[in-house]
Amino acid sequence: MNHVTDAVIKAFTELYGAEPDGVWAAPGRVNLIGEYTDFNDGFVMPLALPHTAVAAVARRDDGVLRLHSADVDGGIVQLRADELAPLGSGSGGWAAYPAGVVWALREAGHAVGGADIHLTSTVPTGAGLSSSAALEVVTALALNDLYDLGLSGDRLAVVAQRAENAFVGVPCGIMDQTAAACCTEGHALYLDTRDLTRRQVPFDLAAHGLELLVVDTRVKHALGDGAYAERREGCEAGARALGVAALRDVPYAGLRAALESLGDERIRRYVRHVVSENHRVEQVIGLLDGADPRAVGPLLTEGHVSLRDDLRVSCEELDLVVESANAAGALGARMTGGGFGGSAIVLVESSASASDTVTKSIETAFAATSRTAPRIFRAIPARGAHRVA
């Protein structure tokens, strides 16, 4: 066991008076390509990060659910499993995510009683790296093991998404939870969000002299509140207007005709983004399968322009990352996640001079505009949720 696991076990024991039954971990994720496509039955391509939510958990058979976070002040939250009810408002704080998983498992007919849970996480919150999905999936995996539910990773992802959609009240797609549950080390996950078929795609940028940087802008704008749901509603309206089940069913070759048939300019923009973004995912897959990851760079930038201009979910800080990185010689860059702040990704040559030049360009641009310095780190494809002790 490593020092993190030892510390989590020690903290659990001090909190609850006995050692946990085990310790589990689930990662955050960064999305290489495929943004705002998962709730349109489209294609996505996330990879897991080394940053994880870690849970020490003990089963209880009295229906009591006790939750504690090392990262949030407030002590132990105590609930009853049989009294959990959806919040439906995006409120409830951090405890709503693990509590929602218990509710979703029970609603699905699984005989889950109580548990003592102690959580800690190194996934940055508010950075668009799916800290909430990591909390959900690590809880789901722990309960799956402790209650012998026998659920596969993709089914745990569905449970976790159900918790966030119906219990917490956030209308997210399935990508984040599937990435946390199903990614494998050294790979990106090519996921069809309609039927949940997936393929692990080798993602060894170092072998090609490349690296992927994650730039956490450390900002989250209030404009993003409710904007995700509004984009989802607009995409669903577009699908209805075009007579398809989801925008995934609009072929890229037929995009121009589809746009010409729509009268609402906002809906046209949303449709154009989703259909073109699905096409970009397919292009990236082809390039990675053809061992040509350098050519992915321009598609990242193209995706950012679409997110900025058509979906309008970017912000000044994200645009500044993309512009300053590309001006300094990056191969491509784009925002990742829900937008209005959070993080961007940047594809760069892995030589010290190239990577340092791009990093310094981003930091200088933020300093010149009196913004908080961004947090910049390499994205190293990590494994999905697993038991660690």
Protein backbone atom coordinates (compact mmCIF):
# COMPACT_ATOMS: atom_id res chain seq x y z
CA MET A 1 0.00 0.00 0.00
CA ASN A 2 1.18 3.53 -0.69
CA HIS A 3 1.16 6.46 1.68
CA VAL A 4 -2.15 7.78 0.31
CA THR A 5 -3.88 4.48 1.02
CA ASP A 6 -2.33 4.27 4.47
CA ALA A 7 -3.49 7.83 5.23
CA VAL A 8 -7.04 7.10 4.06
CA ILE A 9 -7.26 3.95 6.19
CA LYS A 10 -5.89 5.83 9.20
CA ALA A 11 -8.38 8.68 8.73
CA PHE A 12 -11.29 6.22 8.31
CA THR A 13 -10.32 4.37 11.47
CA GLU A 14 -10.12 7.58 13.48
CA LEU A 15 -13.51 8.73 12.17
CA TYR A 16 -15.49 5.53 12.52
CA GLY A 17 -13.63 3.54 15.20
CA ALA A 18 -12.73 0.53 13.04
CA GLU A 19 -10.77 -0.20 9.89
CA PRO A 20 -12.55 -0.11 6.51
CA ASP A 21 -13.40 -3.23 4.54
CA GLY A 22 -11.36 -1.88 1.65
CA VAL A 23 -10.10 1.10 -0.31
CA TRP A 24 -11.03 1.96 -3.90
CA ALA A 25 -9.97 4.62 -6.40
CA ALA A 26 -11.56 6.17 -9.51
CA PRO A 27 -9.91 8.74 -11.79
CA GLY A 28 -10.80 12.09 -13.20
CA ARG A 29 -10.68 12.39 -16.96
CA VAL A 30 -9.75 14.73 -19.74
CA ASN A 31 -11.59 14.56 -23.05
CA LEU A 32 -9.37 14.49 -26.11
CA ILE A 33 -12.20 15.16 -28.56
CA GLY A 34 -16.00 14.86 -28.64
CA GLU A 35 -17.52 17.68 -26.57
CA TYR A 36 -21.27 18.06 -25.98
CA THR A 37 -21.84 14.94 -28.09
CA ASP A 38 -22.54 12.36 -25.41
CA PHE A 39 -26.12 13.48 -24.72
CA ASN A 40 -26.66 13.46 -28.49
CA ASP A 41 -25.89 9.72 -28.78
CA GLY A 42 -22.57 10.66 -30.36
CA PHE A 43 -18.91 9.72 -30.10
CA VAL A 44 -16.38 10.77 -27.47
CA MET A 45 -12.75 10.01 -26.71
CA PRO A 46 -11.72 10.62 -23.10
CA LEU A 47 -8.70 9.34 -21.21
CA ALA A 48 -8.34 8.81 -17.48
CA LEU A 49 -5.94 10.96 -15.48
CA PRO A 50 -3.67 9.86 -12.64
CA HIS A 51 -5.69 12.15 -10.35
CA THR A 52 -8.20 10.07 -8.38
CA ALA A 53 -11.00 10.06 -5.86
CA VAL A 54 -10.16 7.52 -3.15
CA ALA A 55 -12.74 5.94 -0.87
CA ALA A 56 -12.28 3.87 2.26
CA VAL A 57 -15.55 2.03 2.84
CA ALA A 58 -17.11 -0.38 5.31
CA ARG A 59 -20.42 -2.13 4.79
CA ARG A 60 -23.24 -1.52 7.25
CA ASP A 61 -26.38 -3.65 7.45
CA ASP A 62 -28.48 -1.24 9.52
CA GLY A 63 -29.38 1.11 6.64
CA VAL A 64 -27.27 3.97 7.99
CA LEU A 65 -25.13 5.85 5.48
CA ARG A 66 -22.29 7.93 6.91
CA LEU A 67 -20.24 10.10 4.57
CA HIS A 68 -17.11 12.11 5.21
CA SER A 69 -14.79 14.09 2.93
CA ALA A 70 -11.22 14.99 3.83
CA ASP A 71 -11.45 17.87 1.36
CA VAL A 72 -14.56 19.64 2.68
CA ASP A 73 -15.19 21.06 6.13
CA GLY A 74 -18.37 19.97 7.84
CA GLY A 75 -17.84 16.65 9.55
CA ILE A 76 -19.76 13.43 8.96
CA VAL A 77 -23.01 13.53 6.98
CA GLN A 78 -25.41 10.88 8.27
CA LEU A 79 -28.39 9.66 6.24
CA ARG A 80 -30.62 6.63 5.95
CA ALA A 81 -30.44 4.62 2.75
CA ASP A 82 -34.18 3.96 2.73
CA GLU A 83 -35.00 7.67 3.11
CA LEU A 84 -32.91 9.00 0.24
CA ALA A 85 -34.88 11.02 -2.29
CA PRO A 86 -33.80 12.93 -5.42
CA LEU A 87 -32.81 16.55 -4.95
CA GLY A 88 -33.51 17.41 -8.58
CA SER A 89 -31.92 20.83 -8.37
CA GLY A 90 -28.16 20.42 -8.72
CA SER A 91 -27.86 21.20 -4.99
CA GLY A 92 -26.85 19.16 -1.98
CA GLY A 93 -23.10 19.65 -2.03
CA TRP A 94 -20.47 16.95 -2.36
CA ALA A 95 -22.40 14.37 -0.30
CA ALA A 96 -25.19 14.27 -2.91
CA TYR A 97 -22.93 12.36 -5.31
CA PRO A 98 -22.15 9.29 -3.17
CA ALA A 99 -25.63 9.39 -1.62
CA GLY A 100 -27.10 9.49 -5.12
CA VAL A 101 -25.22 6.32 -6.02
CA VAL A 102 -26.74 4.48 -3.07
CA TRP A 103 -30.18 5.73 -4.14
CA ALA A 104 -29.61 4.72 -7.79
CA LEU A 105 -28.44 1.23 -6.85
CA ARG A 106 -31.45 0.68 -4.61
CA GLU A 107 -33.81 2.08 -7.25
CA ALA A 108 -32.37 -0.43 -9.72
CA GLY A 109 -33.31 -3.25 -7.35
CA HIS A 110 -29.95 -3.93 -5.72
CA ALA A 111 -30.06 -4.78 -2.03
CA VAL A 112 -27.68 -2.10 -0.84
CA GLY A 113 -28.01 -1.09 2.80
CA GLY A 114 -25.77 1.34 4.56
CA ALA A 115 -22.07 2.10 4.57
CA ASP A 116 -19.41 4.16 6.26
CA ILE A 117 -17.47 6.10 3.61
CA HIS A 118 -14.44 8.36 3.88
CA LEU A 119 -13.45 10.16 0.67
CA THR A 120 -10.52 12.21 -0.51
CA SER A 121 -9.66 13.37 -4.00
CA THR A 122 -6.81 14.82 -6.02
CA VAL A 123 -9.10 15.57 -9.00
CA PRO A 124 -9.31 19.37 -9.19
CA THR A 125 -12.86 20.58 -8.62
CA GLY A 126 -14.38 23.06 -11.06
CA ALA A 127 -11.67 22.29 -13.62
CA GLY A 128 -13.81 20.35 -16.08
CA LEU A 129 -12.00 17.12 -15.20
CA SER A 130 -15.01 15.21 -13.82
CA SER A 131 -14.38 15.30 -10.10
CA SER A 132 -18.05 14.48 -9.49
CA ALA A 133 -17.99 11.39 -11.73
CA ALA A 134 -14.90 10.15 -9.90
CA LEU A 135 -16.79 10.41 -6.57
CA GLU A 136 -19.79 8.58 -8.03
CA VAL A 137 -17.83 5.78 -9.66
CA VAL A 138 -15.55 5.09 -6.71
CA THR A 139 -18.63 4.81 -4.50
CA ALA A 140 -20.40 2.56 -6.98
CA LEU A 141 -17.40 0.24 -7.33
CA ALA A 142 -16.93 -0.06 -3.57
CA LEU A 143 -20.58 -0.91 -2.99
CA ASN A 144 -20.54 -3.30 -5.94
CA ASP A 145 -17.72 -5.22 -4.31
CA LEU A 146 -18.99 -5.07 -0.73
CA TYR A 147 -22.52 -6.14 -1.65
CA ASP A 148 -21.45 -8.67 -4.30
CA LEU A 149 -23.62 -7.04 -6.98
CA GLY A 150 -21.58 -8.35 -9.89
CA LEU A 151 -22.01 -5.22 -12.03
CA SER A 152 -19.58 -4.58 -14.88
CA GLY A 153 -17.79 -1.27 -15.32
CA ASP A 154 -20.20 -0.02 -17.97
CA ARG A 155 -23.20 -0.85 -15.77
CA LEU A 156 -21.61 0.97 -12.84
CA ALA A 157 -21.19 3.98 -15.14
CA VAL A 158 -24.91 3.90 -15.95
CA VAL A 159 -25.73 3.79 -12.22
CA ALA A 160 -23.40 6.72 -11.56
CA GLN A 161 -24.93 8.75 -14.40
CA ARG A 162 -28.41 7.98 -13.06
CA ALA A 163 -27.30 9.30 -9.66
CA GLU A 164 -26.13 12.58 -11.18
CA ASN A 165 -29.11 13.00 -13.53
CA ALA A 166 -32.00 11.98 -11.32
CA PHE A 167 -30.72 12.42 -7.77
CA VAL A 168 -28.38 15.41 -7.97
CA GLY A 169 -30.29 16.99 -10.85
CA VAL A 170 -27.46 17.55 -13.35
CA PRO A 171 -28.38 16.41 -16.91
CA CYS A 172 -24.93 15.07 -17.86
CA GLY A 173 -24.25 12.46 -20.50
CA ILE A 174 -22.56 9.10 -19.93
CA MET A 175 -18.99 9.98 -20.96
CA ASP A 176 -17.52 11.05 -17.62
CA GLN A 177 -18.75 8.06 -15.65
CA THR A 178 -17.71 5.59 -18.37
CA ALA A 179 -14.24 7.10 -18.53
CA ALA A 180 -13.85 6.81 -14.76
CA ALA A 181 -15.10 3.23 -14.75
CA CYS A 182 -13.67 1.78 -17.96
CA CYS A 183 -10.50 3.54 -19.14
CA THR A 184 -7.28 1.55 -19.26
CA GLU A 185 -3.72 2.71 -18.72
CA GLY A 186 -1.95 3.99 -21.83
CA HIS A 187 -5.15 4.29 -23.85
CA ALA A 188 -7.85 6.71 -24.84
CA LEU A 189 -11.42 5.38 -24.78
CA TYR A 190 -13.39 5.56 -28.02
CA LEU A 191 -17.00 5.39 -26.83
CA ASP A 192 -20.23 5.24 -28.78
CA THR A 193 -22.63 6.77 -26.27
CA ARG A 194 -25.70 5.32 -27.98
CA ASP A 195 -25.00 1.65 -27.43
CA LEU A 196 -22.02 2.03 -25.05
CA THR A 197 -19.72 0.00 -27.28
CA ARG A 198 -16.17 1.07 -26.68
CA ARG A 199 -12.65 0.50 -27.88
CA GLN A 200 -9.39 1.11 -26.08
CA VAL A 201 -7.16 3.07 -28.46
CA PRO A 202 -3.40 3.07 -27.78
CA PHE A 203 -2.35 6.60 -26.86
CA ASP A 204 1.40 6.65 -26.48
CA LEU A 205 2.25 10.21 -27.44
CA ALA A 206 5.78 9.93 -26.03
CA ALA A 207 6.63 7.33 -28.68
CA HIS A 208 5.91 10.02 -31.29
CA GLY A 209 7.77 12.78 -29.48
CA LEU A 210 4.59 14.45 -28.27
CA GLU A 211 2.79 15.24 -25.04
CA LEU A 212 -0.63 16.50 -24.09
CA LEU A 213 -0.79 19.32 -21.57
CA VAL A 214 -3.79 20.06 -19.39
CA VAL A 215 -4.18 23.75 -18.52
CA ASP A 216 -6.49 24.38 -15.58
CA THR A 217 -7.47 28.05 -15.87
CA ARG A 218 -8.60 28.02 -12.22
CA VAL A 219 -11.74 29.95 -13.14
CA LYS A 220 -15.39 28.99 -13.35
CA HIS A 221 -17.83 31.61 -14.56
CA ALA A 222 -21.39 31.83 -13.22
CA LEU A 223 -22.56 32.08 -16.82
CA GLY A 224 -22.13 28.33 -16.96
CA ASP A 225 -24.90 27.76 -14.42
CA GLY A 226 -27.80 26.24 -16.33
CA ALA A 227 -26.03 26.67 -19.68
CA TYR A 228 -25.35 22.95 -20.04
CA ALA A 229 -29.04 22.14 -19.67
CA GLU A 230 -29.93 24.89 -22.14
CA ARG A 231 -27.54 23.44 -24.76
CA ARG A 232 -28.98 20.00 -24.21
CA GLU A 233 -32.52 21.30 -24.66
CA GLY A 234 -31.47 23.11 -27.83
CA CYS A 235 -29.86 20.00 -29.29
CA GLU A 236 -32.95 17.94 -28.53
CA ALA A 237 -35.09 20.60 -30.21
CA GLY A 238 -32.83 20.40 -33.25
CA ALA A 239 -33.21 16.62 -33.42
CA ARG A 240 -37.00 16.93 -33.27
CA ALA A 241 -37.01 19.57 -36.00
CA LEU A 242 -34.90 17.33 -38.22
CA GLY A 243 -37.00 14.25 -37.51
CA VAL A 244 -34.19 12.17 -36.00
CA ALA A 245 -33.84 10.40 -32.67
CA ALA A 246 -30.65 12.31 -31.88
CA LEU A 247 -28.24 14.62 -33.68
CA ARG A 248 -25.89 11.65 -34.04
CA ASP A 249 -28.22 10.53 -36.83
CA VAL A 250 -27.51 13.59 -38.99
CA PRO A 251 -24.71 12.58 -41.40
CA TYR A 252 -21.83 14.98 -41.83
CA ALA A 253 -22.35 14.87 -45.60
CA GLY A 254 -25.92 16.07 -45.08
CA LEU A 255 -25.09 18.85 -42.62
CA ARG A 256 -25.51 21.74 -45.07
CA ALA A 257 -29.00 20.60 -46.09
CA ALA A 258 -29.96 20.03 -42.46
CA LEU A 259 -28.88 23.54 -41.49
CA GLU A 260 -30.77 25.10 -44.37
CA SER A 261 -33.97 23.45 -43.16
CA LEU A 262 -33.72 25.01 -39.68
CA GLY A 263 -35.16 28.46 -39.03
CA ASP A 264 -33.77 29.09 -35.55
CA GLU A 265 -30.21 30.48 -35.66
CA ARG A 266 -29.39 29.19 -32.16
CA ILE A 267 -30.51 25.67 -33.06
CA ARG A 268 -28.54 25.82 -36.31
CA ARG A 269 -25.37 26.62 -34.39
CA TYR A 270 -25.88 23.78 -31.94
CA VAL A 271 -26.58 21.28 -34.71
CA ARG A 272 -23.53 22.41 -36.68
CA HIS A 273 -21.29 21.92 -33.65
CA VAL A 274 -22.56 18.45 -32.72
CA VAL A 275 -22.51 17.01 -36.24
CA SER A 276 -19.08 18.45 -37.05
CA GLU A 277 -17.71 17.37 -33.65
CA ASN A 278 -18.81 13.78 -34.22
CA HIS A 279 -16.99 13.96 -37.55
CA ARG A 280 -13.85 15.25 -35.79
CA VAL A 281 -13.92 12.30 -33.39
CA GLU A 282 -13.99 9.91 -36.33
CA GLN A 283 -11.11 11.79 -37.96
CA VAL A 284 -9.03 11.60 -34.78
CA ILE A 285 -9.67 7.86 -34.50
CA GLY A 286 -8.43 7.41 -38.06
CA LEU A 287 -5.28 9.41 -37.35
CA LEU A 288 -4.47 7.49 -34.17
CA ASP A 289 -5.13 4.16 -35.85
CA GLY A 290 -2.79 5.33 -38.62
CA ALA A 291 -0.08 6.29 -36.11
CA ASP A 292 -0.26 9.97 -37.07
CA PRO A 293 -1.08 11.77 -33.79
CA ARG A 294 0.64 15.01 -34.89
CA ALA A 295 -2.18 15.57 -37.36
CA VAL A 296 -4.67 15.58 -34.46
CA GLY A 297 -3.54 19.07 -33.46
CA PRO A 298 -5.45 21.11 -36.06
CA LEU A 299 -8.62 19.16 -35.25
CA LEU A 300 -8.32 20.18 -31.61
CA THR A 301 -8.16 23.84 -32.59
CA GLU A 302 -11.01 23.41 -35.06
CA GLY A 303 -13.07 21.88 -32.26
CA HIS A 304 -12.32 24.83 -30.00
CA VAL A 305 -13.49 27.30 -32.62
CA SER A 306 -16.74 25.36 -32.92
CA LEU A 307 -17.23 25.30 -29.15
CA ARG A 308 -16.44 29.01 -28.97
CA ASP A 309 -18.47 30.28 -31.92
CA ASP A 310 -21.29 27.77 -32.43
CA LEU A 311 -21.94 26.35 -28.98
CA ARG A 312 -20.64 29.49 -27.22
CA VAL A 313 -19.38 27.69 -24.13
CA SER A 314 -15.84 29.05 -24.06
CA CYS A 315 -14.60 32.11 -22.14
CA GLU A 316 -11.77 34.62 -22.27
CA GLU A 317 -9.40 32.47 -20.22
CA LEU A 318 -9.91 29.36 -22.36
CA ASP A 319 -9.53 31.38 -25.55
CA LEU A 320 -6.35 32.89 -24.14
CA VAL A 321 -4.87 29.43 -23.53
CA VAL A 322 -5.63 28.31 -27.08
CA GLU A 323 -4.40 31.51 -28.73
CA SER A 324 -1.18 31.82 -26.73
CA ALA A 325 -0.34 28.12 -27.02
CA ASN A 326 -0.83 28.02 -30.78
CA ALA A 327 1.10 31.27 -31.22
CA ALA A 328 4.02 29.67 -29.36
CA GLY A 329 4.15 26.64 -31.64
CA ALA A 330 1.67 24.16 -30.16
CA LEU A 331 0.28 21.65 -32.65
CA GLY A 332 -3.25 22.41 -31.52
CA ALA A 333 -5.37 23.24 -28.48
CA ARG A 334 -8.97 23.36 -27.30
CA MET A 335 -11.14 23.73 -24.26
CA THR A 336 -12.24 20.46 -22.69
CA GLY A 337 -15.26 19.75 -20.51
CA GLY A 338 -18.37 21.86 -20.05
CA GLY A 339 -16.66 25.20 -20.58
CA PHE A 340 -17.19 28.70 -19.09
CA GLY A 341 -13.88 28.10 -17.33
CA GLY A 342 -12.21 24.88 -16.33
CA SER A 343 -9.47 23.40 -18.48
CA ALA A 344 -8.00 23.30 -21.95
CA ILE A 345 -5.72 20.74 -23.56
CA VAL A 346 -2.66 21.51 -25.66
CA LEU A 347 -0.80 19.12 -27.98
CA VAL A 348 2.92 19.93 -28.07
CA GLU A 349 6.26 18.49 -29.09
CA SER A 350 7.75 16.79 -26.04
CA SER A 351 11.18 18.37 -26.36
CA ALA A 352 11.97 20.54 -23.36
CA SER A 353 12.35 23.64 -25.50
CA ALA A 354 8.99 23.24 -27.26
CA SER A 355 7.00 22.30 -24.16
CA ASP A 356 8.62 25.00 -22.02
CA THR A 357 8.06 27.64 -24.70
CA VAL A 358 4.35 26.87 -24.91
CA THR A 359 4.00 26.70 -21.12
CA LYS A 360 5.79 30.02 -20.65
CA SER A 361 3.65 31.63 -23.38
CA ILE A 362 0.45 30.62 -21.59
CA GLU A 363 1.73 31.76 -18.19
CA THR A 364 2.94 35.07 -19.62
CA ALA A 365 -0.40 35.71 -21.30
CA PHE A 366 -2.24 35.16 -18.01
CA ALA A 367 0.17 37.36 -16.08
CA ALA A 368 -0.09 40.14 -18.66
CA THR A 369 -3.85 40.26 -18.14
CA SER A 370 -3.58 40.09 -14.31
CA ARG A 371 -5.15 36.65 -14.12
CA THR A 372 -4.37 33.95 -11.59
CA ALA A 373 -1.60 31.70 -12.89
CA PRO A 374 -3.01 28.55 -14.50
CA ARG A 375 -2.11 25.06 -13.31
CA ILE A 376 -0.38 23.12 -16.11
CA PHE A 377 0.43 19.40 -16.08
CA ARG A 378 0.87 16.49 -18.49
CA ALA A 379 -2.04 14.19 -19.27
CA ILE A 380 -0.77 10.65 -18.78
CA PRO A 381 -3.42 8.03 -19.66
CA ALA A 382 -4.20 6.15 -16.45
CA ARG A 383 -6.34 3.18 -15.43
CA GLY A 384 -10.00 3.35 -14.56
CA ALA A 385 -11.65 2.54 -11.24
CA HIS A 386 -10.08 -0.23 -9.21
CA ARG A 387 -9.65 -1.61 -5.72
CA VAL A 388 -6.38 -0.61 -4.09
CA ALA A 389 -6.61 -2.31 -0.67
